Amino acid sequence: MIEDILLAVAGAAVAAAAYVGAAARVVKQYERGVVFRFGRLRGDVRPPGFTMIVPAVDRLHKVNMQIVTMPVPAQEGITRDNVTVRVDAVVYFKVVDAAEALVRVEDYKFAVSQMAQTSLRSIIGKSDLDDLLSNREKLNQGLELMLDSPAIGWGVQIDRVEIKDVSLPETMKRSMARQAEADRERRARLINADAELQASKKLAEAAHQMAEAPSALQLRLLQTVMAVAAEKNSTLVLPIPVELLRFLERATPESAPAATPPAPPAPPLEPLPPVEDLTGSSVEPSPRHTRGDMAA
């Protein structure tokens, strides 16, 4: 009799242990348990820790509540200003309602990935190239809003969306480099011209001050001489005051213009020899008058 009782107790203990082993479940701290009984969702979500289900009747599904980092594959598109680019991004999201994430959508991770790719291509087509390169914060917010609207119904919350990289064609990169170089050269010229303008104004003010006080010019001349003499060279500087040159210029007498010497008289012309006539008689040439006789 006692042996039968002991056998019954042992069998009950074994059955209880088997039942507990089949029904016991452990939910981790970052997980939530969703129970389906005969295919129907139980209203309560199992918290972290030890929990029990009905074996062969209940099915426990564990849902990770951690933030998921999902890279979005690079999407190629044409911007609003007709430039072909390749843009990739990354999405940070988490599950806020474990039951909705299992019931509303078949695979919430795949759904978020496809929605992210579609939204990224839409953002590329609506934006300019300058916005993609310099105004990423606004584009990130736009992507987050586009993803968060349908994800709320899936029990998923979009935590953050970031555009990682924007790839441009090589021709576009060279064009942008030339544009940036030209812009830097233009700014350098403007800065140089502004410096020349300021320097000219300061020099004009200094000239007015030296005109009012001539001794300042002498002091400046001596300072220049000291600066030249401080260097190790063989240059000899002899400063000559400008006033001395002006004094010498005023003291020089004006010389009268020299008279033009008279032209020498022309030499007298010699008489020509007589010319013999072919008939035998000689013909005397008429005397040739000189300039002096003609003048008389």
C-alpha atoms as a PDB file:
ATOM      1  CA  MET A   1       0.000   0.000   0.000  1.00  0.00           C
ATOM      2  CA  ILE A   2       2.706   2.411   0.950  1.00  0.00           C
ATOM      3  CA  GLU A   3       4.631   1.501  -2.174  1.00  0.00           C
ATOM      4  CA  ASP A   4       1.619   2.374  -4.333  1.00  0.00           C
ATOM      5  CA  ILE A   5       1.264   5.701  -2.612  1.00  0.00           C
ATOM      6  CA  LEU A   6       4.930   6.439  -3.102  1.00  0.00           C
ATOM      7  CA  LEU A   7       4.709   5.465  -6.756  1.00  0.00           C
ATOM      8  CA  ALA A   8       1.682   7.727  -7.250  1.00  0.00           C
ATOM      9  CA  VAL A   9       3.415  10.621  -5.550  1.00  0.00           C
ATOM     10  CA  ALA A  10       6.527  10.084  -7.629  1.00  0.00           C
ATOM     11  CA  GLY A  11       4.465   9.943 -10.823  1.00  0.00           C
ATOM     12  CA  ALA A  12       2.626  13.113  -9.896  1.00  0.00           C
ATOM     13  CA  ALA A  13       5.895  14.853  -9.159  1.00  0.00           C
ATOM     14  CA  VAL A  14       7.311  13.768 -12.490  1.00  0.00           C
ATOM     15  CA  ALA A  15       4.187  14.937 -14.287  1.00  0.00           C
ATOM     16  CA  ALA A  16       4.267  18.275 -12.465  1.00  0.00           C
ATOM     17  CA  ALA A  17       7.923  18.718 -13.299  1.00  0.00           C
ATOM     18  CA  ALA A  18       7.257  17.918 -16.946  1.00  0.00           C
ATOM     19  CA  TYR A  19       4.337  20.355 -16.986  1.00  0.00           C
ATOM     20  CA  VAL A  20       6.396  23.102 -15.407  1.00  0.00           C
ATOM     21  CA  GLY A  21       9.250  22.435 -17.806  1.00  0.00           C
ATOM     22  CA  ALA A  22       6.879  22.696 -20.767  1.00  0.00           C
ATOM     23  CA  ALA A  23       5.009  25.736 -19.470  1.00  0.00           C
ATOM     24  CA  ALA A  24       7.860  27.782 -18.012  1.00  0.00           C
ATOM     25  CA  ARG A  25       9.234  30.636 -20.078  1.00  0.00           C
ATOM     26  CA  VAL A  26      11.794  33.349 -19.366  1.00  0.00           C
ATOM     27  CA  VAL A  27      11.430  36.811 -20.926  1.00  0.00           C
ATOM     28  CA  LYS A  28      14.576  38.913 -20.953  1.00  0.00           C
ATOM     29  CA  GLN A  29      14.745  42.472 -19.765  1.00  0.00           C
ATOM     30  CA  TYR A  30      14.792  43.990 -23.277  1.00  0.00           C
ATOM     31  CA  GLU A  31      11.981  41.734 -24.536  1.00  0.00           C
ATOM     32  CA  ARG A  32       8.216  41.487 -24.218  1.00  0.00           C
ATOM     33  CA  GLY A  33       6.167  38.312 -24.529  1.00  0.00           C
ATOM     34  CA  VAL A  34       3.039  38.100 -26.665  1.00  0.00           C
ATOM     35  CA  VAL A  35       0.834  35.041 -26.077  1.00  0.00           C
ATOM     36  CA  PHE A  36      -1.495  33.504 -28.680  1.00  0.00           C
ATOM     37  CA  ARG A  37      -4.038  30.966 -27.404  1.00  0.00           C
ATOM     38  CA  PHE A  38      -5.540  28.881 -30.138  1.00  0.00           C
ATOM     39  CA  GLY A  39      -4.451  31.587 -32.590  1.00  0.00           C
ATOM     40  CA  ARG A  40      -6.115  34.405 -30.688  1.00  0.00           C
ATOM     41  CA  LEU A  41      -4.139  37.204 -29.086  1.00  0.00           C
ATOM     42  CA  ARG A  42      -4.233  37.326 -25.332  1.00  0.00           C
ATOM     43  CA  GLY A  43      -4.763  40.838 -24.055  1.00  0.00           C
ATOM     44  CA  ASP A  44      -1.860  40.996 -21.664  1.00  0.00           C
ATOM     45  CA  VAL A  45       1.756  41.319 -22.770  1.00  0.00           C
ATOM     46  CA  ARG A  46       4.117  39.326 -20.592  1.00  0.00           C
ATOM     47  CA  PRO A  47       6.688  41.509 -18.805  1.00  0.00           C
ATOM     48  CA  PRO A  48      10.351  40.549 -18.368  1.00  0.00           C
ATOM     49  CA  GLY A  49      11.065  37.688 -16.007  1.00  0.00           C
ATOM     50  CA  PHE A  50       9.621  34.227 -15.382  1.00  0.00           C
ATOM     51  CA  THR A  51       6.194  33.462 -16.870  1.00  0.00           C
ATOM     52  CA  MET A  52       3.973  30.447 -17.469  1.00  0.00           C
ATOM     53  CA  ILE A  53       1.874  29.378 -20.434  1.00  0.00           C
ATOM     54  CA  VAL A  54      -0.427  26.477 -21.115  1.00  0.00           C
ATOM     55  CA  PRO A  55       1.531  23.810 -22.975  1.00  0.00           C
ATOM     56  CA  ALA A  56       0.199  22.764 -26.370  1.00  0.00           C
ATOM     57  CA  VAL A  57      -2.348  25.576 -26.169  1.00  0.00           C
ATOM     58  CA  ASP A  58      -0.437  28.831 -25.893  1.00  0.00           C
ATOM     59  CA  ARG A  59       2.329  30.150 -28.119  1.00  0.00           C
ATOM     60  CA  LEU A  60       4.687  32.750 -26.687  1.00  0.00           C
ATOM     61  CA  HIS A  61       6.391  35.166 -29.135  1.00  0.00           C
ATOM     62  CA  LYS A  62       9.197  37.317 -27.831  1.00  0.00           C
ATOM     63  CA  VAL A  63       9.610  40.789 -29.337  1.00  0.00           C
ATOM     64  CA  ASN A  64      12.845  42.739 -29.001  1.00  0.00           C
ATOM     65  CA  MET A  65      12.243  46.255 -27.681  1.00  0.00           C
ATOM     66  CA  GLN A  66      15.766  47.547 -28.275  1.00  0.00           C
ATOM     67  CA  ILE A  67      16.586  50.249 -30.804  1.00  0.00           C
ATOM     68  CA  VAL A  68      17.350  48.648 -34.158  1.00  0.00           C
ATOM     69  CA  THR A  69      19.984  50.151 -36.456  1.00  0.00           C
ATOM     70  CA  MET A  70      19.047  49.487 -40.064  1.00  0.00           C
ATOM     71  CA  PRO A  71      21.219  50.678 -42.971  1.00  0.00           C
ATOM     72  CA  VAL A  72      19.297  51.783 -46.040  1.00  0.00           C
ATOM     73  CA  PRO A  73      20.901  50.625 -49.315  1.00  0.00           C
ATOM     74  CA  ALA A  74      22.210  53.350 -51.608  1.00  0.00           C
ATOM     75  CA  GLN A  75      19.450  54.732 -53.805  1.00  0.00           C
ATOM     76  CA  GLU A  76      20.180  56.368 -57.151  1.00  0.00           C
ATOM     77  CA  GLY A  77      17.964  59.194 -58.334  1.00  0.00           C
ATOM     78  CA  ILE A  78      17.783  62.509 -60.137  1.00  0.00           C
ATOM     79  CA  THR A  79      17.484  65.680 -58.103  1.00  0.00           C
ATOM     80  CA  ARG A  80      15.170  68.543 -58.889  1.00  0.00           C
ATOM     81  CA  ASP A  81      17.981  70.345 -60.736  1.00  0.00           C
ATOM     82  CA  ASN A  82      18.665  67.273 -62.936  1.00  0.00           C
ATOM     83  CA  VAL A  83      21.783  65.874 -61.243  1.00  0.00           C
ATOM     84  CA  THR A  84      22.224  62.114 -60.841  1.00  0.00           C
ATOM     85  CA  VAL A  85      23.260  61.159 -57.291  1.00  0.00           C
ATOM     86  CA  ARG A  86      23.507  58.082 -55.079  1.00  0.00           C
ATOM     87  CA  VAL A  87      22.377  58.535 -51.484  1.00  0.00           C
ATOM     88  CA  ASP A  88      22.439  56.055 -48.612  1.00  0.00           C
ATOM     89  CA  ALA A  89      21.056  56.488 -45.111  1.00  0.00           C
ATOM     90  CA  VAL A  90      20.566  54.759 -41.777  1.00  0.00           C
ATOM     91  CA  VAL A  91      17.346  54.383 -39.758  1.00  0.00           C
ATOM     92  CA  TYR A  92      17.073  53.992 -35.977  1.00  0.00           C
ATOM     93  CA  PHE A  93      13.739  52.606 -34.761  1.00  0.00           C
ATOM     94  CA  LYS A  94      12.258  50.562 -31.927  1.00  0.00           C
ATOM     95  CA  VAL A  95       9.096  48.660 -31.136  1.00  0.00           C
ATOM     96  CA  VAL A  96       6.790  50.415 -28.690  1.00  0.00           C
ATOM     97  CA  ASP A  97       3.836  48.016 -28.937  1.00  0.00           C
ATOM     98  CA  ALA A  98       4.813  44.373 -29.199  1.00  0.00           C
ATOM     99  CA  ALA A  99       1.301  43.130 -29.972  1.00  0.00           C
ATOM    100  CA  GLU A 100       0.758  45.606 -32.811  1.00  0.00           C
ATOM    101  CA  ALA A 101       4.166  44.803 -34.304  1.00  0.00           C
ATOM    102  CA  LEU A 102       3.178  41.128 -34.574  1.00  0.00           C
ATOM    103  CA  VAL A 103      -0.441  41.535 -35.617  1.00  0.00           C
ATOM    104  CA  ARG A 104      -0.460  44.571 -37.904  1.00  0.00           C
ATOM    105  CA  VAL A 105       2.448  43.671 -40.178  1.00  0.00           C
ATOM    106  CA  GLU A 106       4.019  40.389 -41.196  1.00  0.00           C
ATOM    107  CA  ASP A 107       7.654  41.506 -40.802  1.00  0.00           C
ATOM    108  CA  TYR A 108       8.032  44.970 -39.356  1.00  0.00           C
ATOM    109  CA  LYS A 109      11.777  45.134 -40.051  1.00  0.00           C
ATOM    110  CA  PHE A 110      11.322  44.397 -43.746  1.00  0.00           C
ATOM    111  CA  ALA A 111       8.430  46.860 -43.899  1.00  0.00           C
ATOM    112  CA  VAL A 112      10.488  49.643 -42.347  1.00  0.00           C
ATOM    113  CA  SER A 113      13.381  48.896 -44.727  1.00  0.00           C
ATOM    114  CA  GLN A 114      11.190  49.109 -47.826  1.00  0.00           C
ATOM    115  CA  MET A 115       9.465  52.256 -46.605  1.00  0.00           C
ATOM    116  CA  ALA A 116      12.868  53.853 -45.915  1.00  0.00           C
ATOM    117  CA  GLN A 117      14.103  53.122 -49.447  1.00  0.00           C
ATOM    118  CA  THR A 118      10.941  54.524 -51.013  1.00  0.00           C
ATOM    119  CA  SER A 119      11.036  57.663 -48.864  1.00  0.00           C
ATOM    120  CA  LEU A 120      14.706  58.222 -49.631  1.00  0.00           C
ATOM    121  CA  ARG A 121      14.086  58.124 -53.392  1.00  0.00           C
ATOM    122  CA  SER A 122      11.178  60.520 -52.947  1.00  0.00           C
ATOM    123  CA  ILE A 123      13.356  62.954 -50.969  1.00  0.00           C
ATOM    124  CA  ILE A 124      16.043  62.840 -53.679  1.00  0.00           C
ATOM    125  CA  GLY A 125      13.549  63.794 -56.374  1.00  0.00           C
ATOM    126  CA  LYS A 126      12.117  66.692 -54.351  1.00  0.00           C
ATOM    127  CA  SER A 127      15.436  68.244 -53.301  1.00  0.00           C
ATOM    128  CA  ASP A 128      18.183  70.213 -55.000  1.00  0.00           C
ATOM    129  CA  LEU A 129      21.822  69.189 -54.999  1.00  0.00           C
ATOM    130  CA  ASP A 130      22.735  72.065 -52.667  1.00  0.00           C
ATOM    131  CA  ASP A 131      20.132  70.857 -50.146  1.00  0.00           C
ATOM    132  CA  LEU A 132      21.540  67.337 -50.204  1.00  0.00           C
ATOM    133  CA  LEU A 133      25.046  68.635 -49.548  1.00  0.00           C
ATOM    134  CA  SER A 134      24.473  71.446 -47.058  1.00  0.00           C
ATOM    135  CA  ASN A 135      20.947  71.203 -45.634  1.00  0.00           C
ATOM    136  CA  ARG A 136      20.849  67.617 -44.414  1.00  0.00           C
ATOM    137  CA  GLU A 137      19.148  68.363 -41.103  1.00  0.00           C
ATOM    138  CA  LYS A 138      15.994  69.451 -42.879  1.00  0.00           C
ATOM    139  CA  LEU A 139      16.071  66.398 -45.140  1.00  0.00           C
ATOM    140  CA  ASN A 140      16.584  64.103 -42.153  1.00  0.00           C
ATOM    141  CA  GLN A 141      13.514  65.570 -40.480  1.00  0.00           C
ATOM    142  CA  GLY A 142      11.510  65.123 -43.666  1.00  0.00           C
ATOM    143  CA  LEU A 143      12.566  61.469 -43.914  1.00  0.00           C
ATOM    144  CA  GLU A 144      11.674  60.887 -40.290  1.00  0.00           C
ATOM    145  CA  LEU A 145       8.183  62.294 -40.779  1.00  0.00           C
ATOM    146  CA  MET A 146       7.626  60.232 -43.911  1.00  0.00           C
ATOM    147  CA  LEU A 147       8.634  57.032 -42.110  1.00  0.00           C
ATOM    148  CA  ASP A 148       6.954  57.746 -38.801  1.00  0.00           C
ATOM    149  CA  SER A 149       3.474  58.232 -40.248  1.00  0.00           C
ATOM    150  CA  PRO A 150       2.896  54.605 -41.380  1.00  0.00           C
ATOM    151  CA  ALA A 151       5.160  53.087 -38.721  1.00  0.00           C
ATOM    152  CA  ILE A 152       2.958  54.302 -35.857  1.00  0.00           C
ATOM    153  CA  GLY A 153       0.209  51.913 -36.970  1.00  0.00           C
ATOM    154  CA  TRP A 154       2.689  49.032 -36.895  1.00  0.00           C
ATOM    155  CA  GLY A 155       3.659  49.606 -33.276  1.00  0.00           C
ATOM    156  CA  VAL A 156       7.048  50.946 -34.361  1.00  0.00           C
ATOM    157  CA  GLN A 157       8.510  54.323 -33.509  1.00  0.00           C
ATOM    158  CA  ILE A 158      11.148  55.940 -35.749  1.00  0.00           C
ATOM    159  CA  ASP A 159      13.779  57.304 -33.435  1.00  0.00           C
ATOM    160  CA  ARG A 160      16.107  58.940 -35.968  1.00  0.00           C
ATOM    161  CA  VAL A 161      17.002  59.007 -39.673  1.00  0.00           C
ATOM    162  CA  GLU A 162      20.389  60.142 -40.965  1.00  0.00           C
ATOM    163  CA  ILE A 163      21.697  60.562 -44.517  1.00  0.00           C
ATOM    164  CA  LYS A 164      25.143  58.987 -44.556  1.00  0.00           C
ATOM    165  CA  ASP A 165      26.722  59.823 -47.892  1.00  0.00           C
ATOM    166  CA  VAL A 166      25.948  61.542 -51.193  1.00  0.00           C
ATOM    167  CA  SER A 167      27.917  60.233 -54.182  1.00  0.00           C
ATOM    168  CA  LEU A 168      28.342  62.548 -57.179  1.00  0.00           C
ATOM    169  CA  PRO A 169      29.641  61.878 -60.712  1.00  0.00           C
ATOM    170  CA  GLU A 170      33.287  62.724 -61.356  1.00  0.00           C
ATOM    171  CA  THR A 171      32.388  65.467 -63.841  1.00  0.00           C
ATOM    172  CA  MET A 172      30.186  67.136 -61.254  1.00  0.00           C
ATOM    173  CA  LYS A 173      32.956  66.934 -58.661  1.00  0.00           C
ATOM    174  CA  ARG A 174      35.406  68.671 -61.012  1.00  0.00           C
ATOM    175  CA  SER A 175      32.852  71.364 -61.838  1.00  0.00           C
ATOM    176  CA  MET A 176      32.196  72.038 -58.171  1.00  0.00           C
ATOM    177  CA  ALA A 177      35.939  72.196 -57.480  1.00  0.00           C
ATOM    178  CA  ARG A 178      36.414  74.800 -60.228  1.00  0.00           C
ATOM    179  CA  GLN A 179      33.473  76.788 -58.900  1.00  0.00           C
ATOM    180  CA  ALA A 180      34.858  76.745 -55.366  1.00  0.00           C
ATOM    181  CA  GLU A 181      38.308  77.796 -56.595  1.00  0.00           C
ATOM    182  CA  ALA A 182      36.841  80.702 -58.552  1.00  0.00           C
ATOM    183  CA  ASP A 183      34.826  81.792 -55.531  1.00  0.00           C
ATOM    184  CA  ARG A 184      37.892  81.705 -53.275  1.00  0.00           C
ATOM    185  CA  GLU A 185      39.885  83.732 -55.824  1.00  0.00           C
ATOM    186  CA  ARG A 186      37.086  86.294 -56.033  1.00  0.00           C
ATOM    187  CA  ARG A 187      37.001  86.671 -52.249  1.00  0.00           C
ATOM    188  CA  ALA A 188      40.794  87.009 -52.134  1.00  0.00           C
ATOM    189  CA  ARG A 189      40.680  89.813 -54.686  1.00  0.00           C
ATOM    190  CA  LEU A 190      37.918  91.582 -52.776  1.00  0.00           C
ATOM    191  CA  ILE A 191      39.880  91.340 -49.546  1.00  0.00           C
ATOM    192  CA  ASN A 192      43.028  92.641 -51.260  1.00  0.00           C
ATOM    193  CA  ALA A 193      41.126  95.570 -52.801  1.00  0.00           C
ATOM    194  CA  ASP A 194      39.560  96.405 -49.443  1.00  0.00           C
ATOM    195  CA  ALA A 195      42.994  96.371 -47.823  1.00  0.00           C
ATOM    196  CA  GLU A 196      44.375  98.688 -50.505  1.00  0.00           C
ATOM    197  CA  LEU A 197      41.451 101.071 -49.969  1.00  0.00           C
ATOM    198  CA  GLN A 198      41.989 101.186 -46.222  1.00  0.00           C
ATOM    199  CA  ALA A 199      45.740 101.647 -46.674  1.00  0.00           C
ATOM    200  CA  SER A 200      45.197 104.540 -49.101  1.00  0.00           C
ATOM    201  CA  LYS A 201      42.881 106.253 -46.625  1.00  0.00           C
ATOM    202  CA  LYS A 202      45.440 105.893 -43.851  1.00  0.00           C
ATOM    203  CA  LEU A 203      48.229 107.198 -46.101  1.00  0.00           C
ATOM    204  CA  ALA A 204      46.110 110.205 -47.056  1.00  0.00           C
ATOM    205  CA  GLU A 205      45.504 110.976 -43.369  1.00  0.00           C
ATOM    206  CA  ALA A 206      49.228 110.644 -42.654  1.00  0.00           C
ATOM    207  CA  ALA A 207      50.066 112.989 -45.533  1.00  0.00           C
ATOM    208  CA  HIS A 208      47.692 115.634 -44.166  1.00  0.00           C
ATOM    209  CA  GLN A 209      49.236 115.328 -40.718  1.00  0.00           C
ATOM    210  CA  MET A 210      52.790 115.668 -42.101  1.00  0.00           C
ATOM    211  CA  ALA A 211      51.757 118.677 -44.175  1.00  0.00           C
ATOM    212  CA  GLU A 212      50.611 120.457 -41.024  1.00  0.00           C
ATOM    213  CA  ALA A 213      53.813 119.517 -39.132  1.00  0.00           C
ATOM    214  CA  PRO A 214      56.893 119.406 -41.434  1.00  0.00           C
ATOM    215  CA  SER A 215      59.077 118.131 -38.610  1.00  0.00           C
ATOM    216  CA  ALA A 216      57.121 114.892 -38.659  1.00  0.00           C
ATOM    217  CA  LEU A 217      58.449 114.238 -42.151  1.00  0.00           C
ATOM    218  CA  GLN A 218      62.019 114.689 -40.903  1.00  0.00           C
ATOM    219  CA  LEU A 219      61.388 112.268 -38.032  1.00  0.00           C
ATOM    220  CA  ARG A 220      59.953 109.753 -40.425  1.00  0.00           C
ATOM    221  CA  LEU A 221      63.017 110.164 -42.663  1.00  0.00           C
ATOM    222  CA  LEU A 222      65.359 109.552 -39.731  1.00  0.00           C
ATOM    223  CA  GLN A 223      63.371 106.507 -38.736  1.00  0.00           C
ATOM    224  CA  THR A 224      63.719 105.089 -42.242  1.00  0.00           C
ATOM    225  CA  VAL A 225      67.477 105.701 -42.110  1.00  0.00           C
ATOM    226  CA  MET A 226      67.690 103.839 -38.805  1.00  0.00           C
ATOM    227  CA  ALA A 227      65.742 100.916 -40.224  1.00  0.00           C
ATOM    228  CA  VAL A 228      68.091 100.691 -43.223  1.00  0.00           C
ATOM    229  CA  ALA A 229      71.210 101.020 -41.062  1.00  0.00           C
ATOM    230  CA  ALA A 230      70.049  98.240 -38.730  1.00  0.00           C
ATOM    231  CA  GLU A 231      70.468  95.651 -41.469  1.00  0.00           C
ATOM    232  CA  LYS A 232      73.871  94.179 -42.244  1.00  0.00           C
ATOM    233  CA  ASN A 233      74.519  95.669 -45.660  1.00  0.00           C
ATOM    234  CA  SER A 234      76.862  98.107 -47.368  1.00  0.00           C
ATOM    235  CA  THR A 235      74.207 100.547 -48.507  1.00  0.00           C
ATOM    236  CA  LEU A 236      74.926 104.204 -47.716  1.00  0.00           C
ATOM    237  CA  VAL A 237      71.889 106.429 -47.397  1.00  0.00           C
ATOM    238  CA  LEU A 238      72.320 110.221 -47.596  1.00  0.00           C
ATOM    239  CA  PRO A 239      69.044 111.946 -46.861  1.00  0.00           C
ATOM    240  CA  ILE A 240      68.661 115.303 -48.592  1.00  0.00           C
ATOM    241  CA  PRO A 241      65.819 117.505 -47.397  1.00  0.00           C
ATOM    242  CA  VAL A 242      63.339 118.481 -50.037  1.00  0.00           C
ATOM    243  CA  GLU A 243      63.414 122.105 -48.798  1.00  0.00           C
ATOM    244  CA  LEU A 244      67.121 122.321 -49.686  1.00  0.00           C
ATOM    245  CA  LEU A 245      66.417 121.222 -53.235  1.00  0.00           C
ATOM    246  CA  ARG A 246      63.647 123.773 -53.540  1.00  0.00           C
ATOM    247  CA  PHE A 247      65.947 126.530 -52.195  1.00  0.00           C
ATOM    248  CA  LEU A 248      68.647 125.660 -54.714  1.00  0.00           C
ATOM    249  CA  GLU A 249      66.088 125.662 -57.479  1.00  0.00           C
ATOM    250  CA  ARG A 250      64.879 129.149 -56.554  1.00  0.00           C
ATOM    251  CA  ALA A 251      68.461 130.510 -56.146  1.00  0.00           C
ATOM    252  CA  THR A 252      69.630 129.458 -59.633  1.00  0.00           C
ATOM    253  CA  PRO A 253      69.561 132.613 -61.984  1.00  0.00           C
ATOM    254  CA  GLU A 254      67.869 132.282 -65.287  1.00  0.00           C
ATOM    255  CA  SER A 255      70.489 132.625 -68.137  1.00  0.00           C
ATOM    256  CA  ALA A 256      69.621 134.816 -71.138  1.00  0.00           C
ATOM    257  CA  PRO A 257      69.410 133.052 -74.463  1.00  0.00           C
ATOM    258  CA  ALA A 258      72.681 133.347 -76.485  1.00  0.00           C
ATOM    259  CA  ALA A 259      72.619 135.461 -79.689  1.00  0.00           C
ATOM    260  CA  THR A 260      72.791 133.599 -82.935  1.00  0.00           C
ATOM    261  CA  PRO A 261      76.187 134.251 -84.668  1.00  0.00           C
ATOM    262  CA  PRO A 262      75.960 135.810 -88.128  1.00  0.00           C
ATOM    263  CA  ALA A 263      76.465 133.570 -91.084  1.00  0.00           C
ATOM    264  CA  PRO A 264      79.923 133.833 -92.747  1.00  0.00           C
ATOM    265  CA  PRO A 265      80.037 135.657 -96.144  1.00  0.00           C
ATOM    266  CA  ALA A 266      79.997 133.540 -99.219  1.00  0.00           C
ATOM    267  CA  PRO A 267      83.413 133.250-100.997  1.00  0.00           C
ATOM    268  CA  PRO A 268      83.760 135.115-104.368  1.00  0.00           C
ATOM    269  CA  LEU A 269      83.383 133.071-107.473  1.00  0.00           C
ATOM    270  CA  GLU A 270      86.433 132.728-109.765  1.00  0.00           C
ATOM    271  CA  PRO A 271      86.026 133.824-113.462  1.00  0.00           C
ATOM    272  CA  LEU A 272      85.660 131.066-115.970  1.00  0.00           C
ATOM    273  CA  PRO A 273      88.412 130.583-118.600  1.00  0.00           C
ATOM    274  CA  PRO A 274      87.707 131.897-122.114  1.00  0.00           C
ATOM    275  CA  VAL A 275      85.972 129.578-124.507  1.00  0.00           C
ATOM    276  CA  GLU A 276      87.435 129.254-127.991  1.00  0.00           C
ATOM    277  CA  ASP A 277      85.124 129.686-130.907  1.00  0.00           C
ATOM    278  CA  LEU A 278      85.246 127.096-133.581  1.00  0.00           C
ATOM    279  CA  THR A 279      85.425 129.874-136.185  1.00  0.00           C
ATOM    280  CA  GLY A 280      88.725 131.149-134.738  1.00  0.00           C
ATOM    281  CA  SER A 281      87.684 134.040-132.571  1.00  0.00           C
ATOM    282  CA  SER A 282      87.552 133.697-128.835  1.00  0.00           C
ATOM    283  CA  VAL A 283      84.462 134.622-126.922  1.00  0.00           C
ATOM    284  CA  GLU A 284      84.894 136.223-123.557  1.00  0.00           C
ATOM    285  CA  PRO A 285      82.468 134.936-121.040  1.00  0.00           C
ATOM    286  CA  SER A 286      80.405 137.531-119.399  1.00  0.00           C
ATOM    287  CA  PRO A 287      81.509 138.263-115.884  1.00  0.00           C
ATOM    288  CA  ARG A 288      79.504 136.369-113.247  1.00  0.00           C
ATOM    289  CA  HIS A 289      77.983 138.471-110.576  1.00  0.00           C
ATOM    290  CA  THR A 290      78.369 137.497-106.987  1.00  0.00           C
ATOM    291  CA  ARG A 291      75.701 137.719-104.329  1.00  0.00           C
ATOM    292  CA  GLY A 292      77.343 140.790-102.920  1.00  0.00           C
ATOM    293  CA  ASP A 293      77.210 142.626-106.328  1.00  0.00           C
ATOM    294  CA  MET A 294      73.594 141.645-106.747  1.00  0.00           C
ATOM    295  CA  ALA A 295      72.834 142.960-103.338  1.00  0.00           C
ATOM    296  CA  ALA A 296      74.569 146.245-104.227  1.00  0.00           C
END
